């Protein structure tokens, strides 16, 4: 995946970000590889002056892949992924 995030409050203790991304997904032998896209929404909370931050976010992606060997059959793959972690702001 390749994307870009827009940070609204990058210099403050609380930073909200919104982004978009696109990527290539490779499935098993039953489903062809496919292009996908999506969006991300999240925020960082600064924990220390040196840059340690708590990160929380949600990511949605949309991919439609064709089923191998079945004419006209496709599978929608559209997960909603939640993120919780530690980050380093610089």
PDB file of N, CA and C in Angstrom:
ATOM      1  N   UNK A   1       0.837  -1.185   0.000  1.00  0.00           N
ATOM      2  CA  UNK A   1       0.000   0.000   0.000  1.00  0.00           C
ATOM      3  C   UNK A   1       0.877   1.242   0.000  1.00  0.00           C
ATOM      4  N   UNK A   2       0.413   2.252  -0.676  1.00  0.00           N
ATOM      5  CA  UNK A   2       1.063   3.560  -0.701  1.00  0.00           C
ATOM      6  C   UNK A   2      -0.023   4.590  -0.450  1.00  0.00           C
ATOM      7  N   UNK A   3       0.262   5.538   0.450  1.00  0.00           N
ATOM      8  CA  UNK A   3      -0.749   6.534   0.754  1.00  0.00           C
ATOM      9  C   UNK A   3      -0.175   7.803   1.303  1.00  0.00           C
ATOM     10  N   UNK A   4      -1.062   8.701   1.616  1.00  0.00           N
ATOM     11  CA  UNK A   4      -0.680   9.986   2.185  1.00  0.00           C
ATOM     12  C   UNK A   4      -1.640  10.311   3.328  1.00  0.00           C
ATOM     13  N   UNK A   5      -1.088  10.833   4.415  1.00  0.00           N
ATOM     14  CA  UNK A   5      -1.884  11.275   5.561  1.00  0.00           C
ATOM     15  C   UNK A   5      -1.764  12.785   5.693  1.00  0.00           C
ATOM     16  N   UNK A   6      -2.860  13.443   5.999  1.00  0.00           N
ATOM     17  CA  UNK A   6      -2.882  14.872   6.265  1.00  0.00           C
ATOM     18  C   UNK A   6      -3.063  15.070   7.767  1.00  0.00           C
ATOM     19  N   UNK A   7      -2.078  15.680   8.406  1.00  0.00           N
ATOM     20  CA  UNK A   7      -2.099  15.917   9.850  1.00  0.00           C
ATOM     21  C   UNK A   7      -2.609  17.326  10.106  1.00  0.00           C
ATOM     22  N   UNK A   8      -3.629  17.447  10.944  1.00  0.00           N
ATOM     23  CA  UNK A   8      -4.267  18.737  11.180  1.00  0.00           C
ATOM     24  C   UNK A   8      -3.646  19.524  12.335  1.00  0.00           C
ATOM     25  N   UNK A   9      -3.110  18.833  13.335  1.00  0.00           N
ATOM     26  CA  UNK A   9      -2.535  19.500  14.510  1.00  0.00           C
ATOM     27  C   UNK A   9      -1.163  18.919  14.814  1.00  0.00           C
ATOM     28  N   UNK A  10      -0.281  18.859  13.828  1.00  0.00           N
ATOM     29  CA  UNK A  10       0.990  18.138  13.936  1.00  0.00           C
ATOM     30  C   UNK A  10       1.886  18.641  15.068  1.00  0.00           C
ATOM     31  N   UNK A  11       1.812  19.888  15.440  1.00  0.00           N
ATOM     32  CA  UNK A  11       2.698  20.437  16.478  1.00  0.00           C
ATOM     33  C   UNK A  11       2.073  20.432  17.875  1.00  0.00           C
ATOM     34  N   UNK A  12       0.873  19.898  18.015  1.00  0.00           N
ATOM     35  CA  UNK A  12       0.226  19.895  19.332  1.00  0.00           C
ATOM     36  C   UNK A  12       0.302  18.521  19.979  1.00  0.00           C
ATOM     37  N   UNK A  13      -0.138  18.441  21.214  1.00  0.00           N
ATOM     38  CA  UNK A  13      -0.133  17.162  21.939  1.00  0.00           C
ATOM     39  C   UNK A  13      -1.110  16.160  21.324  1.00  0.00           C
ATOM     40  N   UNK A  14      -2.213  16.660  20.781  1.00  0.00           N
ATOM     41  CA  UNK A  14      -3.229  15.831  20.114  1.00  0.00           C
ATOM     42  C   UNK A  14      -3.173  16.116  18.613  1.00  0.00           C
ATOM     43  N   UNK A  15      -3.011  15.091  17.794  1.00  0.00           N
ATOM     44  CA  UNK A  15      -2.896  15.251  16.344  1.00  0.00           C
ATOM     45  C   UNK A  15      -3.916  14.366  15.641  1.00  0.00           C
ATOM     46  N   UNK A  16      -4.829  14.967  14.922  1.00  0.00           N
ATOM     47  CA  UNK A  16      -5.834  14.258  14.139  1.00  0.00           C
ATOM     48  C   UNK A  16      -5.317  14.125  12.709  1.00  0.00           C
ATOM     49  N   UNK A  17      -5.482  12.946  12.098  1.00  0.00           N
ATOM     50  CA  UNK A  17      -5.055  12.789  10.714  1.00  0.00           C
ATOM     51  C   UNK A  17      -6.102  12.036   9.895  1.00  0.00           C
ATOM     52  N   UNK A  18      -6.096  12.331   8.597  1.00  0.00           N
ATOM     53  CA  UNK A  18      -7.002  11.745   7.627  1.00  0.00           C
ATOM     54  C   UNK A  18      -6.167  11.415   6.397  1.00  0.00           C
ATOM     55  N   UNK A  19      -6.376  10.250   5.828  1.00  0.00           N
ATOM     56  CA  UNK A  19      -5.539   9.879   4.690  1.00  0.00           C
ATOM     57  C   UNK A  19      -6.254   9.001   3.680  1.00  0.00           C
ATOM     58  N   UNK A  20      -5.581   8.813   2.563  1.00  0.00           N
ATOM     59  CA  UNK A  20      -6.060   7.947   1.486  1.00  0.00           C
ATOM     60  C   UNK A  20      -4.891   7.082   1.024  1.00  0.00           C
ATOM     61  N   UNK A  21      -5.199   5.890   0.544  1.00  0.00           N
ATOM     62  CA  UNK A  21      -4.140   4.993   0.075  1.00  0.00           C
ATOM     63  C   UNK A  21      -4.660   4.112  -1.054  1.00  0.00           C
ATOM     64  N   UNK A  22      -3.726   3.526  -1.786  1.00  0.00           N
ATOM     65  CA  UNK A  22      -4.032   2.569  -2.850  1.00  0.00           C
ATOM     66  C   UNK A  22      -2.985   1.467  -2.774  1.00  0.00           C
ATOM     67  N   UNK A  23      -3.350   0.283  -3.214  1.00  0.00           N
ATOM     68  CA  UNK A  23      -2.387  -0.807  -3.134  1.00  0.00           C
ATOM     69  C   UNK A  23      -2.793  -2.010  -3.954  1.00  0.00           C
ATOM     70  N   UNK A  24      -1.924  -2.987  -3.943  1.00  0.00           N
ATOM     71  CA  UNK A  24      -2.090  -4.226  -4.686  1.00  0.00           C
ATOM     72  C   UNK A  24      -2.190  -5.369  -3.687  1.00  0.00           C
ATOM     73  N   UNK A  25      -3.214  -6.209  -3.787  1.00  0.00           N
ATOM     74  CA  UNK A  25      -3.396  -7.354  -2.895  1.00  0.00           C
ATOM     75  C   UNK A  25      -3.195  -8.639  -3.679  1.00  0.00           C
ATOM     76  N   UNK A  26      -2.425  -9.548  -3.120  1.00  0.00           N
ATOM     77  CA  UNK A  26      -2.176 -10.847  -3.745  1.00  0.00           C
ATOM     78  C   UNK A  26      -2.808 -11.920  -2.858  1.00  0.00           C
ATOM     79  N   UNK A  27      -3.804 -12.619  -3.387  1.00  0.00           N
ATOM     80  CA  UNK A  27      -4.525 -13.627  -2.629  1.00  0.00           C
ATOM     81  C   UNK A  27      -3.947 -15.014  -2.927  1.00  0.00           C
ATOM     82  N   UNK A  28      -4.630 -16.064  -2.512  1.00  0.00           N
ATOM     83  CA  UNK A  28      -4.158 -17.426  -2.780  1.00  0.00           C
ATOM     84  C   UNK A  28      -4.424 -17.816  -4.239  1.00  0.00           C
ATOM     85  N   UNK A  29      -4.296 -19.080  -4.564  1.00  0.00           N
ATOM     86  CA  UNK A  29      -4.433 -19.542  -5.952  1.00  0.00           C
ATOM     87  C   UNK A  29      -5.871 -19.522  -6.468  1.00  0.00           C
ATOM     88  N   UNK A  30      -6.858 -19.382  -5.585  1.00  0.00           N
ATOM     89  CA  UNK A  30      -8.258 -19.388  -6.005  1.00  0.00           C
ATOM     90  C   UNK A  30      -8.768 -18.001  -6.391  1.00  0.00           C
ATOM     91  N   UNK A  31      -8.044 -16.946  -6.006  1.00  0.00           N
ATOM     92  CA  UNK A  31      -8.478 -15.571  -6.249  1.00  0.00           C
ATOM     93  C   UNK A  31      -7.325 -14.801  -6.891  1.00  0.00           C
ATOM     94  N   UNK A  32      -7.632 -14.084  -7.973  1.00  0.00           N
ATOM     95  CA  UNK A  32      -6.606 -13.304  -8.669  1.00  0.00           C
ATOM     96  C   UNK A  32      -6.167 -12.101  -7.829  1.00  0.00           C
ATOM     97  N   UNK A  33      -4.956 -11.631  -8.069  1.00  0.00           N
ATOM     98  CA  UNK A  33      -4.469 -10.408  -7.433  1.00  0.00           C
ATOM     99  C   UNK A  33      -5.297  -9.225  -7.942  1.00  0.00           C
ATOM    100  N   UNK A  34      -5.429  -8.177  -7.125  1.00  0.00           N
ATOM    101  CA  UNK A  34      -6.293  -7.063  -7.502  1.00  0.00           C
ATOM    102  C   UNK A  34      -5.811  -5.753  -6.889  1.00  0.00           C
ATOM    103  N   UNK A  35      -6.214  -4.656  -7.517  1.00  0.00           N
ATOM    104  CA  UNK A  35      -5.948  -3.304  -7.045  1.00  0.00           C
ATOM    105  C   UNK A  35      -7.019  -2.918  -6.035  1.00  0.00           C
ATOM    106  N   UNK A  36      -6.634  -2.175  -5.001  1.00  0.00           N
ATOM    107  CA  UNK A  36      -7.581  -1.706  -4.008  1.00  0.00           C
ATOM    108  C   UNK A  36      -7.261  -0.290  -3.570  1.00  0.00           C
ATOM    109  N   UNK A  37      -8.166   0.308  -2.844  1.00  0.00           N
ATOM    110  CA  UNK A  37      -7.997   1.677  -2.345  1.00  0.00           C
ATOM    111  C   UNK A  37      -8.734   1.806  -1.022  1.00  0.00           C
ATOM    112  N   UNK A  38      -8.496   2.897  -0.317  1.00  0.00           N
ATOM    113  CA  UNK A  38      -9.185   3.088   0.946  1.00  0.00           C
ATOM    114  C   UNK A  38      -8.824   4.384   1.625  1.00  0.00           C
ATOM    115  N   UNK A  39      -9.298   4.504   2.856  1.00  0.00           N
ATOM    116  CA  UNK A  39      -9.065   5.701   3.645  1.00  0.00           C
ATOM    117  C   UNK A  39      -8.733   5.347   5.080  1.00  0.00           C
ATOM    118  N   UNK A  40      -8.115   6.280   5.769  1.00  0.00           N
ATOM    119  CA  UNK A  40      -7.726   6.091   7.162  1.00  0.00           C
ATOM    120  C   UNK A  40      -8.065   7.357   7.951  1.00  0.00           C
ATOM    121  N   UNK A  41      -8.514   7.160   9.177  1.00  0.00           N
ATOM    122  CA  UNK A  41      -8.814   8.248  10.097  1.00  0.00           C
ATOM    123  C   UNK A  41      -8.245   7.868  11.445  1.00  0.00           C
ATOM    124  N   UNK A  42      -7.496   8.762  12.074  1.00  0.00           N
ATOM    125  CA  UNK A  42      -6.917   8.425  13.360  1.00  0.00           C
ATOM    126  C   UNK A  42      -6.399   9.635  14.094  1.00  0.00           C
ATOM    127  N   UNK A  43      -5.834   9.372  15.273  1.00  0.00           N
ATOM    128  CA  UNK A  43      -5.218  10.454  16.032  1.00  0.00           C
ATOM    129  C   UNK A  43      -4.075   9.924  16.873  1.00  0.00           C
ATOM    130  N   UNK A  44      -3.162  10.830  17.182  1.00  0.00           N
ATOM    131  CA  UNK A  44      -2.023  10.568  18.061  1.00  0.00           C
ATOM    132  C   UNK A  44      -2.167  11.435  19.294  1.00  0.00           C
ATOM    133  N   UNK A  45      -1.784  10.892  20.425  1.00  0.00           N
ATOM    134  CA  UNK A  45      -1.735  11.658  21.669  1.00  0.00           C
ATOM    135  C   UNK A  45      -0.300  11.599  22.166  1.00  0.00           C
ATOM    136  N   UNK A  46       0.350  12.764  22.252  1.00  0.00           N
ATOM    137  CA  UNK A  46       1.729  12.817  22.720  1.00  0.00           C
ATOM    138  C   UNK A  46       1.829  12.411  24.181  1.00  0.00           C
ATOM    139  N   UNK A  47       2.735  11.484  24.493  1.00  0.00           N
ATOM    140  CA  UNK A  47       2.911  11.014  25.869  1.00  0.00           C
ATOM    141  C   UNK A  47       4.129  11.630  26.550  1.00  0.00           C
ATOM    142  N   UNK A  48       5.162  11.943  25.759  1.00  0.00           N
ATOM    143  CA  UNK A  48       6.381  12.535  26.320  1.00  0.00           C
ATOM    144  C   UNK A  48       6.827  13.701  25.450  1.00  0.00           C
ATOM    145  N   UNK A  49       7.721  14.530  25.978  1.00  0.00           N
ATOM    146  CA  UNK A  49       8.288  15.648  25.219  1.00  0.00           C
ATOM    147  C   UNK A  49       9.233  15.159  24.120  1.00  0.00           C
ATOM    148  N   UNK A  50       9.800  13.965  24.286  1.00  0.00           N
ATOM    149  CA  UNK A  50      10.775  13.466  23.319  1.00  0.00           C
ATOM    150  C   UNK A  50      10.144  12.854  22.069  1.00  0.00           C
ATOM    151  N   UNK A  51       8.829  12.624  22.049  1.00  0.00           N
ATOM    152  CA  UNK A  51       8.168  12.161  20.833  1.00  0.00           C
ATOM    153  C   UNK A  51       7.328  10.905  20.934  1.00  0.00           C
ATOM    154  N   UNK A  52       7.333  10.209  22.050  1.00  0.00           N
ATOM    155  CA  UNK A  52       6.526   9.001  22.201  1.00  0.00           C
ATOM    156  C   UNK A  52       5.042   9.369  22.185  1.00  0.00           C
ATOM    157  N   UNK A  53       4.242   8.614  21.416  1.00  0.00           N
ATOM    158  CA  UNK A  53       2.821   8.928  21.278  1.00  0.00           C
ATOM    159  C   UNK A  53       1.982   7.660  21.237  1.00  0.00           C
ATOM    160  N   UNK A  54       0.776   7.757  21.739  1.00  0.00           N
ATOM    161  CA  UNK A  54      -0.234   6.714  21.623  1.00  0.00           C
ATOM    162  C   UNK A  54      -0.984   6.975  20.323  1.00  0.00           C
ATOM    163  N   UNK A  55      -1.148   5.952  19.492  1.00  0.00           N
ATOM    164  CA  UNK A  55      -1.831   6.110  18.210  1.00  0.00           C
ATOM    165  C   UNK A  55      -3.086   5.240  18.172  1.00  0.00           C
ATOM    166  N   UNK A  56      -4.165   5.801  17.687  1.00  0.00           N
ATOM    167  CA  UNK A  56      -5.427   5.090  17.508  1.00  0.00           C
ATOM    168  C   UNK A  56      -5.977   5.449  16.136  1.00  0.00           C
ATOM    169  N   UNK A  57      -6.525   4.482  15.445  1.00  0.00           N
ATOM    170  CA  UNK A  57      -7.057   4.772  14.123  1.00  0.00           C
ATOM    171  C   UNK A  57      -7.935   3.666  13.595  1.00  0.00           C
ATOM    172  N   UNK A  58      -8.575   3.964  12.482  1.00  0.00           N
ATOM    173  CA  UNK A  58      -9.403   2.998  11.778  1.00  0.00           C
ATOM    174  C   UNK A  58      -9.106   3.147  10.281  1.00  0.00           C
ATOM    175  N   UNK A  59      -9.007   2.009   9.589  1.00  0.00           N
ATOM    176  CA  UNK A  59      -8.655   1.976   8.171  1.00  0.00           C
ATOM    177  C   UNK A  59      -9.694   1.129   7.438  1.00  0.00           C
ATOM    178  N   UNK A  60     -10.219   1.674   6.345  1.00  0.00           N
ATOM    179  CA  UNK A  60     -11.167   0.952   5.494  1.00  0.00           C
ATOM    180  C   UNK A  60     -10.548   0.786   4.112  1.00  0.00           C
ATOM    181  N   UNK A  61     -10.642  -0.407   3.562  1.00  0.00           N
ATOM    182  CA  UNK A  61     -10.148  -0.623   2.197  1.00  0.00           C
ATOM    183  C   UNK A  61     -11.187  -1.372   1.376  1.00  0.00           C
ATOM    184  N   UNK A  62     -11.148  -1.163   0.075  1.00  0.00           N
ATOM    185  CA  UNK A  62     -12.093  -1.783  -0.849  1.00  0.00           C
ATOM    186  C   UNK A  62     -11.308  -2.428  -1.983  1.00  0.00           C
ATOM    187  N   UNK A  63     -11.469  -3.737  -2.158  1.00  0.00           N
ATOM    188  CA  UNK A  63     -10.818  -4.478  -3.233  1.00  0.00           C
ATOM    189  C   UNK A  63     -11.821  -5.458  -3.826  1.00  0.00           C
ATOM    190  N   UNK A  64     -11.935  -5.483  -5.138  1.00  0.00           N
ATOM    191  CA  UNK A  64     -12.771  -6.467  -5.842  1.00  0.00           C
ATOM    192  C   UNK A  64     -11.842  -7.352  -6.658  1.00  0.00           C
ATOM    193  N   UNK A  65     -11.784  -8.630  -6.332  1.00  0.00           N
ATOM    194  CA  UNK A  65     -10.885  -9.570  -7.012  1.00  0.00           C
ATOM    195  C   UNK A  65     -11.702 -10.633  -7.743  1.00  0.00           C
ATOM    196  N   UNK A  66     -11.226 -11.022  -8.902  1.00  0.00           N
ATOM    197  CA  UNK A  66     -11.885 -12.070  -9.693  1.00  0.00           C
ATOM    198  C   UNK A  66     -11.505 -13.445  -9.171  1.00  0.00           C
ATOM    199  N   UNK A  67     -12.478 -14.376  -9.230  1.00  0.00           N
ATOM    200  CA  UNK A  67     -12.237 -15.762  -8.834  1.00  0.00           C
ATOM    201  C   UNK A  67     -11.598 -16.489 -10.016  1.00  0.00           C
ATOM    202  N   UNK A  68     -10.513 -17.212  -9.759  1.00  0.00           N
ATOM    203  CA  UNK A  68      -9.788 -17.927 -10.806  1.00  0.00           C
ATOM    204  C   UNK A  68     -10.644 -19.037 -11.407  1.00  0.00           C
ATOM    205  N   UNK A  69     -10.770 -19.046 -12.724  1.00  0.00           N
ATOM    206  CA  UNK A  69     -11.462 -20.131 -13.413  1.00  0.00           C
ATOM    207  C   UNK A  69     -12.969 -20.031 -13.450  1.00  0.00           C
ATOM    208  N   UNK A  70     -13.572 -18.993 -12.879  1.00  0.00           N
ATOM    209  CA  UNK A  70     -15.028 -18.839 -12.899  1.00  0.00           C
ATOM    210  C   UNK A  70     -15.341 -17.519 -13.604  1.00  0.00           C
ATOM    211  N   UNK A  71     -15.928 -17.597 -14.775  1.00  0.00           N
ATOM    212  CA  UNK A  71     -16.209 -16.411 -15.579  1.00  0.00           C
ATOM    213  C   UNK A  71     -17.214 -15.491 -14.887  1.00  0.00           C
ATOM    214  N   UNK A  72     -16.840 -14.229 -14.711  1.00  0.00           N
ATOM    215  CA  UNK A  72     -17.734 -13.228 -14.133  1.00  0.00           C
ATOM    216  C   UNK A  72     -17.861 -13.248 -12.622  1.00  0.00           C
ATOM    217  N   UNK A  73     -17.201 -14.167 -11.942  1.00  0.00           N
ATOM    218  CA  UNK A  73     -17.306 -14.239 -10.480  1.00  0.00           C
ATOM    219  C   UNK A  73     -16.224 -13.376  -9.834  1.00  0.00           C
ATOM    220  N   UNK A  74     -16.618 -12.601  -8.837  1.00  0.00           N
ATOM    221  CA  UNK A  74     -15.652 -11.778  -8.108  1.00  0.00           C
ATOM    222  C   UNK A  74     -15.976 -11.797  -6.623  1.00  0.00           C
ATOM    223  N   UNK A  75     -14.987 -11.421  -5.836  1.00  0.00           N
ATOM    224  CA  UNK A  75     -15.124 -11.375  -4.385  1.00  0.00           C
ATOM    225  C   UNK A  75     -14.798  -9.961  -3.926  1.00  0.00           C
ATOM    226  N   UNK A  76     -15.694  -9.368  -3.140  1.00  0.00           N
ATOM    227  CA  UNK A  76     -15.406  -8.067  -2.531  1.00  0.00           C
ATOM    228  C   UNK A  76     -14.684  -8.298  -1.219  1.00  0.00           C
ATOM    229  N   UNK A  77     -13.565  -7.622  -1.077  1.00  0.00           N
ATOM    230  CA  UNK A  77     -12.772  -7.710   0.149  1.00  0.00           C
ATOM    231  C   UNK A  77     -12.690  -6.295   0.692  1.00  0.00           C
ATOM    232  N   UNK A  78     -13.437  -6.010   1.764  1.00  0.00           N
ATOM    233  CA  UNK A  78     -13.501  -4.646   2.284  1.00  0.00           C
ATOM    234  C   UNK A  78     -13.449  -4.624   3.815  1.00  0.00           C
ATOM    235  N   UNK A  79     -12.274  -4.926   4.368  1.00  0.00           N
ATOM    236  CA  UNK A  79     -12.169  -4.964   5.828  1.00  0.00           C
ATOM    237  C   UNK A  79     -12.129  -3.569   6.457  1.00  0.00           C
ATOM    238  N   UNK A  80     -12.567  -3.512   7.688  1.00  0.00           N
ATOM    239  CA  UNK A  80     -12.444  -2.334   8.541  1.00  0.00           C
ATOM    240  C   UNK A  80     -11.457  -2.731   9.630  1.00  0.00           C
ATOM    241  N   UNK A  81     -10.280  -2.109   9.641  1.00  0.00           N
ATOM    242  CA  UNK A  81      -9.187  -2.495  10.535  1.00  0.00           C
ATOM    243  C   UNK A  81      -8.971  -1.403  11.569  1.00  0.00           C
ATOM    244  N   UNK A  82      -8.911  -1.798  12.837  1.00  0.00           N
ATOM    245  CA  UNK A  82      -8.657  -0.855  13.928  1.00  0.00           C
ATOM    246  C   UNK A  82      -7.200  -0.942  14.346  1.00  0.00           C
ATOM    247  N   UNK A  83      -6.638   0.190  14.746  1.00  0.00           N
ATOM    248  CA  UNK A  83      -5.232   0.266  15.111  1.00  0.00           C
ATOM    249  C   UNK A  83      -5.097   0.877  16.507  1.00  0.00           C
ATOM    250  N   UNK A  84      -4.227   0.281  17.307  1.00  0.00           N
ATOM    251  CA  UNK A  84      -3.851   0.812  18.608  1.00  0.00           C
ATOM    252  C   UNK A  84      -2.367   0.535  18.760  1.00  0.00           C
ATOM    253  N   UNK A  85      -1.586   1.559  19.034  1.00  0.00           N
ATOM    254  CA  UNK A  85      -0.151   1.330  19.131  1.00  0.00           C
ATOM    255  C   UNK A  85       0.604   2.502  19.714  1.00  0.00           C
ATOM    256  N   UNK A  86       1.903   2.330  19.749  1.00  0.00           N
ATOM    257  CA  UNK A  86       2.805   3.390  20.162  1.00  0.00           C
ATOM    258  C   UNK A  86       3.575   3.864  18.943  1.00  0.00           C
ATOM    259  N   UNK A  87       3.791   5.160  18.873  1.00  0.00           N
ATOM    260  CA  UNK A  87       4.516   5.733  17.751  1.00  0.00           C
ATOM    261  C   UNK A  87       5.551   6.731  18.234  1.00  0.00           C
ATOM    262  N   UNK A  88       6.381   7.152  17.294  1.00  0.00           N
ATOM    263  CA  UNK A  88       7.401   8.145  17.589  1.00  0.00           C
ATOM    264  C   UNK A  88       7.182   9.316  16.642  1.00  0.00           C
ATOM    265  N   UNK A  89       6.870  10.466  17.206  1.00  0.00           N
ATOM    266  CA  UNK A  89       6.637  11.673  16.407  1.00  0.00           C
ATOM    267  C   UNK A  89       7.925  12.457  16.270  1.00  0.00           C
ATOM    268  N   UNK A  90       8.255  12.823  15.046  1.00  0.00           N
ATOM    269  CA  UNK A  90       9.470  13.609  14.815  1.00  0.00           C
ATOM    270  C   UNK A  90       9.230  14.667  13.761  1.00  0.00           C
TER     271      UNK A  90
END
